[in-house]
Amino acid sequence: MFDFEKLEVYAKANIFNLHVQKYLLKGSIDGSAKSQLRRASLSIALNIAEGSGRNGKADKRHFFVIARGSTFECVAILDILKDEGVLEHKEYSIFYSFGEELSKMLYAMIRKLD
């Protein structure tokens, strides 16, 4: 088993990504927003995995900071889609709560590495 597979934040990032992917399959989102959201949601889990495999604190921290930034990016894209009327407010609220939880978990991991 890889170290990242033991992390609750990694499991939650995967669930978030799965929900984003399901939304993208059913939604009528323009190509650029769809691509950006897909890449950003994947980036969260991928950077958590890569960071967990690094030896130094600074390296780990760097990838966890990127993962947190990708979380912010996802929420911003989803907010724009909500404002454009492409994403329902109720669904946005679910994504928002998930993003907020991921952000807090990543922030705690980052602070431990300071």
N, C-alpha and C. Protein backbone atom coordinates (compact mmCIF):
# COMPACT_ATOMS: atom_id res chain seq x y z
N MET A 1 0.85 -1.18 0.00
CA MET A 1 0.00 0.00 0.00
C MET A 1 0.90 1.25 0.00
N PHE A 2 0.54 2.21 -0.81
CA PHE A 2 1.26 3.48 -0.85
C PHE A 2 0.81 4.36 0.31
N ASP A 3 1.71 5.24 0.77
CA ASP A 3 1.40 6.12 1.90
C ASP A 3 0.15 6.96 1.65
N PHE A 4 0.01 7.49 0.43
CA PHE A 4 -1.14 8.37 0.16
C PHE A 4 -2.47 7.66 0.28
N GLU A 5 -2.47 6.35 0.07
CA GLU A 5 -3.72 5.58 0.16
C GLU A 5 -4.24 5.51 1.60
N LYS A 6 -3.37 5.80 2.56
CA LYS A 6 -3.76 5.78 3.97
C LYS A 6 -4.34 7.11 4.44
N LEU A 7 -4.22 8.14 3.60
CA LEU A 7 -4.63 9.49 3.99
C LEU A 7 -6.13 9.71 3.74
N GLU A 8 -6.81 10.18 4.78
CA GLU A 8 -8.24 10.49 4.64
C GLU A 8 -8.45 11.61 3.61
N VAL A 9 -7.55 12.57 3.57
CA VAL A 9 -7.68 13.67 2.62
C VAL A 9 -7.59 13.18 1.18
N TYR A 10 -6.77 12.17 0.95
CA TYR A 10 -6.67 11.59 -0.40
C TYR A 10 -7.99 10.91 -0.78
N ALA A 11 -8.56 10.15 0.15
CA ALA A 11 -9.85 9.49 -0.12
C ALA A 11 -10.93 10.52 -0.42
N LYS A 12 -10.95 11.60 0.35
CA LYS A 12 -11.96 12.65 0.13
C LYS A 12 -11.72 13.38 -1.19
N ALA A 13 -10.46 13.57 -1.55
CA ALA A 13 -10.13 14.20 -2.84
C ALA A 13 -10.62 13.32 -3.99
N ASN A 14 -10.48 12.02 -3.84
CA ASN A 14 -10.96 11.10 -4.87
C ASN A 14 -12.49 11.15 -5.00
N ILE A 15 -13.16 11.21 -3.87
CA ILE A 15 -14.63 11.30 -3.89
C ILE A 15 -15.06 12.61 -4.55
N PHE A 16 -14.39 13.72 -4.17
CA PHE A 16 -14.69 15.01 -4.78
C PHE A 16 -14.50 14.94 -6.30
N ASN A 17 -13.38 14.36 -6.73
CA ASN A 17 -13.10 14.23 -8.15
C ASN A 17 -14.18 13.39 -8.85
N LEU A 18 -14.60 12.32 -8.21
CA LEU A 18 -15.64 11.47 -8.79
C LEU A 18 -16.94 12.25 -8.98
N HIS A 19 -17.32 13.05 -7.98
CA HIS A 19 -18.53 13.87 -8.10
C HIS A 19 -18.39 14.91 -9.21
N VAL A 20 -17.23 15.51 -9.32
CA VAL A 20 -16.98 16.48 -10.39
C VAL A 20 -17.11 15.79 -11.75
N GLN A 21 -16.49 14.62 -11.88
CA GLN A 21 -16.53 13.90 -13.16
C GLN A 21 -17.97 13.53 -13.55
N LYS A 22 -18.74 13.08 -12.57
CA LYS A 22 -20.15 12.74 -12.84
C LYS A 22 -20.93 13.98 -13.27
N TYR A 23 -20.66 15.10 -12.61
CA TYR A 23 -21.32 16.35 -12.99
C TYR A 23 -20.96 16.74 -14.42
N LEU A 24 -19.69 16.62 -14.75
CA LEU A 24 -19.23 17.01 -16.09
C LEU A 24 -19.86 16.15 -17.18
N LEU A 25 -20.14 14.89 -16.88
CA LEU A 25 -20.76 14.00 -17.86
C LEU A 25 -22.21 14.39 -18.15
N LYS A 26 -22.89 14.92 -17.15
CA LYS A 26 -24.31 15.24 -17.35
C LYS A 26 -24.56 16.72 -17.69
N GLY A 27 -23.58 17.56 -17.38
CA GLY A 27 -23.78 19.00 -17.54
C GLY A 27 -23.54 19.49 -18.96
N SER A 28 -24.06 20.66 -19.22
CA SER A 28 -23.85 21.31 -20.53
C SER A 28 -22.89 22.48 -20.34
N ILE A 29 -21.64 22.14 -20.09
CA ILE A 29 -20.61 23.12 -19.79
C ILE A 29 -19.75 23.32 -21.03
N ASP A 30 -19.32 24.56 -21.26
CA ASP A 30 -18.46 24.80 -22.41
C ASP A 30 -17.13 24.06 -22.23
N GLY A 31 -16.49 23.77 -23.35
CA GLY A 31 -15.29 22.94 -23.37
C GLY A 31 -14.15 23.42 -22.50
N SER A 32 -13.90 24.74 -22.48
CA SER A 32 -12.76 25.24 -21.71
C SER A 32 -13.00 25.11 -20.21
N ALA A 33 -14.21 25.43 -19.75
CA ALA A 33 -14.52 25.31 -18.32
C ALA A 33 -14.51 23.83 -17.91
N LYS A 34 -15.02 22.99 -18.78
CA LYS A 34 -15.05 21.56 -18.50
C LYS A 34 -13.63 21.01 -18.35
N SER A 35 -12.76 21.37 -19.28
CA SER A 35 -11.37 20.91 -19.24
C SER A 35 -10.65 21.43 -18.00
N GLN A 36 -10.85 22.70 -17.70
CA GLN A 36 -10.17 23.32 -16.55
C GLN A 36 -10.63 22.68 -15.23
N LEU A 37 -11.93 22.44 -15.11
CA LEU A 37 -12.47 21.84 -13.89
C LEU A 37 -11.99 20.40 -13.76
N ARG A 38 -11.96 19.69 -14.86
CA ARG A 38 -11.48 18.30 -14.84
C ARG A 38 -10.03 18.24 -14.38
N ARG A 39 -9.19 19.10 -14.95
CA ARG A 39 -7.77 19.10 -14.60
C ARG A 39 -7.54 19.53 -13.15
N ALA A 40 -8.28 20.53 -12.71
CA ALA A 40 -8.12 21.03 -11.34
C ALA A 40 -8.56 19.98 -10.32
N SER A 41 -9.66 19.30 -10.58
CA SER A 41 -10.14 18.29 -9.62
C SER A 41 -9.19 17.10 -9.56
N LEU A 42 -8.63 16.72 -10.70
CA LEU A 42 -7.63 15.64 -10.71
C LEU A 42 -6.36 16.07 -9.98
N SER A 43 -6.00 17.33 -10.12
CA SER A 43 -4.78 17.86 -9.54
C SER A 43 -4.77 17.74 -8.02
N ILE A 44 -5.92 17.84 -7.40
CA ILE A 44 -5.98 17.76 -5.94
C ILE A 44 -5.44 16.40 -5.48
N ALA A 45 -6.04 15.33 -5.96
CA ALA A 45 -5.63 13.98 -5.54
C ALA A 45 -4.21 13.67 -6.00
N LEU A 46 -3.86 14.07 -7.21
CA LEU A 46 -2.53 13.75 -7.74
C LEU A 46 -1.42 14.45 -6.95
N ASN A 47 -1.64 15.68 -6.55
CA ASN A 47 -0.62 16.39 -5.78
C ASN A 47 -0.53 15.89 -4.34
N ILE A 48 -1.64 15.44 -3.79
CA ILE A 48 -1.59 14.81 -2.46
C ILE A 48 -0.74 13.54 -2.55
N ALA A 49 -0.99 12.74 -3.58
CA ALA A 49 -0.24 11.50 -3.76
C ALA A 49 1.25 11.79 -3.96
N GLU A 50 1.56 12.72 -4.84
CA GLU A 50 2.96 13.04 -5.10
C GLU A 50 3.65 13.61 -3.87
N GLY A 51 2.98 14.49 -3.17
CA GLY A 51 3.56 15.07 -1.96
C GLY A 51 3.83 14.04 -0.88
N SER A 52 2.94 13.08 -0.75
CA SER A 52 3.13 12.07 0.29
C SER A 52 4.33 11.18 0.00
N GLY A 53 4.73 11.14 -1.25
CA GLY A 53 5.88 10.32 -1.63
C GLY A 53 7.21 11.04 -1.51
N ARG A 54 7.19 12.30 -1.19
CA ARG A 54 8.43 13.08 -1.03
C ARG A 54 9.01 12.89 0.35
N ASN A 55 10.33 13.01 0.44
CA ASN A 55 11.01 12.79 1.72
C ASN A 55 11.11 14.04 2.57
N GLY A 56 11.45 15.17 1.97
CA GLY A 56 11.64 16.38 2.74
C GLY A 56 10.35 17.11 3.03
N LYS A 57 10.32 17.79 4.17
CA LYS A 57 9.14 18.57 4.56
C LYS A 57 8.80 19.64 3.52
N ALA A 58 9.81 20.32 3.00
CA ALA A 58 9.57 21.39 2.04
C ALA A 58 8.95 20.84 0.76
N ASP A 59 9.42 19.68 0.30
CA ASP A 59 8.84 19.05 -0.89
C ASP A 59 7.40 18.65 -0.66
N LYS A 60 7.15 18.00 0.47
CA LYS A 60 5.78 17.59 0.80
C LYS A 60 4.86 18.81 0.84
N ARG A 61 5.31 19.82 1.54
CA ARG A 61 4.53 21.04 1.71
C ARG A 61 4.19 21.65 0.35
N HIS A 62 5.17 21.71 -0.54
CA HIS A 62 4.98 22.30 -1.87
C HIS A 62 3.79 21.64 -2.60
N PHE A 63 3.75 20.32 -2.59
CA PHE A 63 2.67 19.62 -3.31
C PHE A 63 1.33 19.76 -2.60
N PHE A 64 1.34 19.82 -1.28
CA PHE A 64 0.08 20.02 -0.55
C PHE A 64 -0.46 21.43 -0.78
N VAL A 65 0.43 22.40 -0.92
CA VAL A 65 0.02 23.77 -1.24
C VAL A 65 -0.61 23.81 -2.63
N ILE A 66 -0.02 23.10 -3.58
CA ILE A 66 -0.59 23.04 -4.93
C ILE A 66 -1.97 22.38 -4.89
N ALA A 67 -2.09 21.30 -4.14
CA ALA A 67 -3.39 20.61 -4.02
C ALA A 67 -4.44 21.56 -3.45
N ARG A 68 -4.06 22.34 -2.45
CA ARG A 68 -5.00 23.30 -1.86
C ARG A 68 -5.38 24.38 -2.87
N GLY A 69 -4.40 24.84 -3.63
CA GLY A 69 -4.69 25.82 -4.68
C GLY A 69 -5.64 25.26 -5.73
N SER A 70 -5.49 24.01 -6.07
CA SER A 70 -6.40 23.37 -7.04
C SER A 70 -7.80 23.25 -6.46
N THR A 71 -7.90 23.06 -5.16
CA THR A 71 -9.21 23.05 -4.51
C THR A 71 -9.89 24.40 -4.66
N PHE A 72 -9.13 25.46 -4.42
CA PHE A 72 -9.66 26.82 -4.59
C PHE A 72 -10.09 27.04 -6.04
N GLU A 73 -9.28 26.55 -6.97
CA GLU A 73 -9.60 26.71 -8.39
C GLU A 73 -10.92 26.02 -8.73
N CYS A 74 -11.11 24.82 -8.22
CA CYS A 74 -12.36 24.10 -8.47
C CYS A 74 -13.56 24.89 -7.95
N VAL A 75 -13.46 25.37 -6.72
CA VAL A 75 -14.57 26.11 -6.13
C VAL A 75 -14.85 27.38 -6.93
N ALA A 76 -13.81 28.05 -7.38
CA ALA A 76 -14.00 29.27 -8.18
C ALA A 76 -14.70 28.95 -9.51
N ILE A 77 -14.29 27.90 -10.17
CA ILE A 77 -14.94 27.51 -11.43
C ILE A 77 -16.40 27.16 -11.17
N LEU A 78 -16.65 26.39 -10.13
CA LEU A 78 -18.03 26.00 -9.80
C LEU A 78 -18.87 27.22 -9.45
N ASP A 79 -18.28 28.20 -8.78
CA ASP A 79 -18.98 29.44 -8.45
C ASP A 79 -19.37 30.18 -9.72
N ILE A 80 -18.47 30.24 -10.67
CA ILE A 80 -18.76 30.90 -11.95
C ILE A 80 -19.87 30.16 -12.67
N LEU A 81 -19.81 28.83 -12.68
CA LEU A 81 -20.86 28.04 -13.34
C LEU A 81 -22.21 28.26 -12.66
N LYS A 82 -22.19 28.41 -11.34
CA LYS A 82 -23.44 28.70 -10.61
C LYS A 82 -23.98 30.06 -11.03
N ASP A 83 -23.10 31.05 -11.08
CA ASP A 83 -23.53 32.40 -11.47
C ASP A 83 -24.05 32.45 -12.90
N GLU A 84 -23.50 31.61 -13.75
CA GLU A 84 -23.95 31.55 -15.15
C GLU A 84 -25.24 30.76 -15.31
N GLY A 85 -25.70 30.11 -14.22
CA GLY A 85 -26.93 29.33 -14.28
C GLY A 85 -26.73 27.92 -14.81
N VAL A 86 -25.50 27.50 -14.95
CA VAL A 86 -25.19 26.16 -15.46
C VAL A 86 -25.22 25.13 -14.33
N LEU A 87 -24.94 25.58 -13.12
CA LEU A 87 -24.90 24.71 -11.94
C LEU A 87 -25.94 25.21 -10.94
N GLU A 88 -26.79 24.30 -10.50
CA GLU A 88 -27.82 24.66 -9.53
C GLU A 88 -27.18 25.00 -8.18
N HIS A 89 -27.82 25.94 -7.48
CA HIS A 89 -27.29 26.39 -6.19
C HIS A 89 -27.13 25.24 -5.19
N LYS A 90 -28.10 24.33 -5.17
CA LYS A 90 -28.05 23.20 -4.23
C LYS A 90 -26.83 22.33 -4.51
N GLU A 91 -26.58 22.05 -5.78
CA GLU A 91 -25.43 21.23 -6.14
C GLU A 91 -24.12 21.97 -5.85
N TYR A 92 -24.14 23.28 -6.11
CA TYR A 92 -22.96 24.09 -5.80
C TYR A 92 -22.64 24.04 -4.31
N SER A 93 -23.66 24.11 -3.48
CA SER A 93 -23.46 24.07 -2.03
C SER A 93 -22.79 22.77 -1.59
N ILE A 94 -23.15 21.68 -2.22
CA ILE A 94 -22.54 20.39 -1.89
C ILE A 94 -21.06 20.41 -2.29
N PHE A 95 -20.77 20.87 -3.50
CA PHE A 95 -19.38 20.98 -3.95
C PHE A 95 -18.60 21.93 -3.04
N TYR A 96 -19.22 23.04 -2.68
CA TYR A 96 -18.56 24.04 -1.83
C TYR A 96 -18.16 23.44 -0.48
N SER A 97 -19.10 22.72 0.14
CA SER A 97 -18.82 22.10 1.44
C SER A 97 -17.67 21.10 1.34
N PHE A 98 -17.68 20.33 0.28
CA PHE A 98 -16.61 19.37 0.06
C PHE A 98 -15.27 20.09 -0.13
N GLY A 99 -15.27 21.13 -0.93
CA GLY A 99 -14.05 21.91 -1.16
C GLY A 99 -13.54 22.55 0.11
N GLU A 100 -14.45 23.05 0.91
CA GLU A 100 -14.07 23.68 2.18
C GLU A 100 -13.41 22.67 3.11
N GLU A 101 -13.97 21.47 3.17
CA GLU A 101 -13.40 20.42 4.01
C GLU A 101 -12.00 20.03 3.52
N LEU A 102 -11.85 19.85 2.21
CA LEU A 102 -10.54 19.53 1.65
C LEU A 102 -9.53 20.62 1.97
N SER A 103 -9.94 21.86 1.81
CA SER A 103 -9.05 22.99 2.06
C SER A 103 -8.56 22.99 3.50
N LYS A 104 -9.46 22.77 4.43
CA LYS A 104 -9.10 22.75 5.85
C LYS A 104 -8.15 21.60 6.18
N MET A 105 -8.41 20.45 5.61
CA MET A 105 -7.56 19.30 5.86
C MET A 105 -6.15 19.54 5.28
N LEU A 106 -6.10 20.08 4.09
CA LEU A 106 -4.80 20.37 3.47
C LEU A 106 -4.06 21.45 4.23
N TYR A 107 -4.78 22.46 4.70
CA TYR A 107 -4.15 23.53 5.46
C TYR A 107 -3.50 22.95 6.74
N ALA A 108 -4.21 22.05 7.40
CA ALA A 108 -3.66 21.43 8.61
C ALA A 108 -2.39 20.64 8.29
N MET A 109 -2.39 19.94 7.16
CA MET A 109 -1.21 19.18 6.76
C MET A 109 -0.04 20.12 6.45
N ILE A 110 -0.34 21.22 5.80
CA ILE A 110 0.68 22.21 5.45
C ILE A 110 1.27 22.81 6.72
N ARG A 111 0.43 23.18 7.66
CA ARG A 111 0.90 23.80 8.92
C ARG A 111 1.81 22.85 9.70
N LYS A 112 1.52 21.57 9.66
CA LYS A 112 2.35 20.59 10.36
C LYS A 112 3.76 20.52 9.77
N LEU A 113 3.88 20.92 8.52
CA LEU A 113 5.18 20.84 7.83
C LEU A 113 5.96 22.14 7.92
N ASP A 114 5.39 23.18 8.53
CA ASP A 114 6.10 24.47 8.68
C ASP A 114 7.22 24.38 9.69
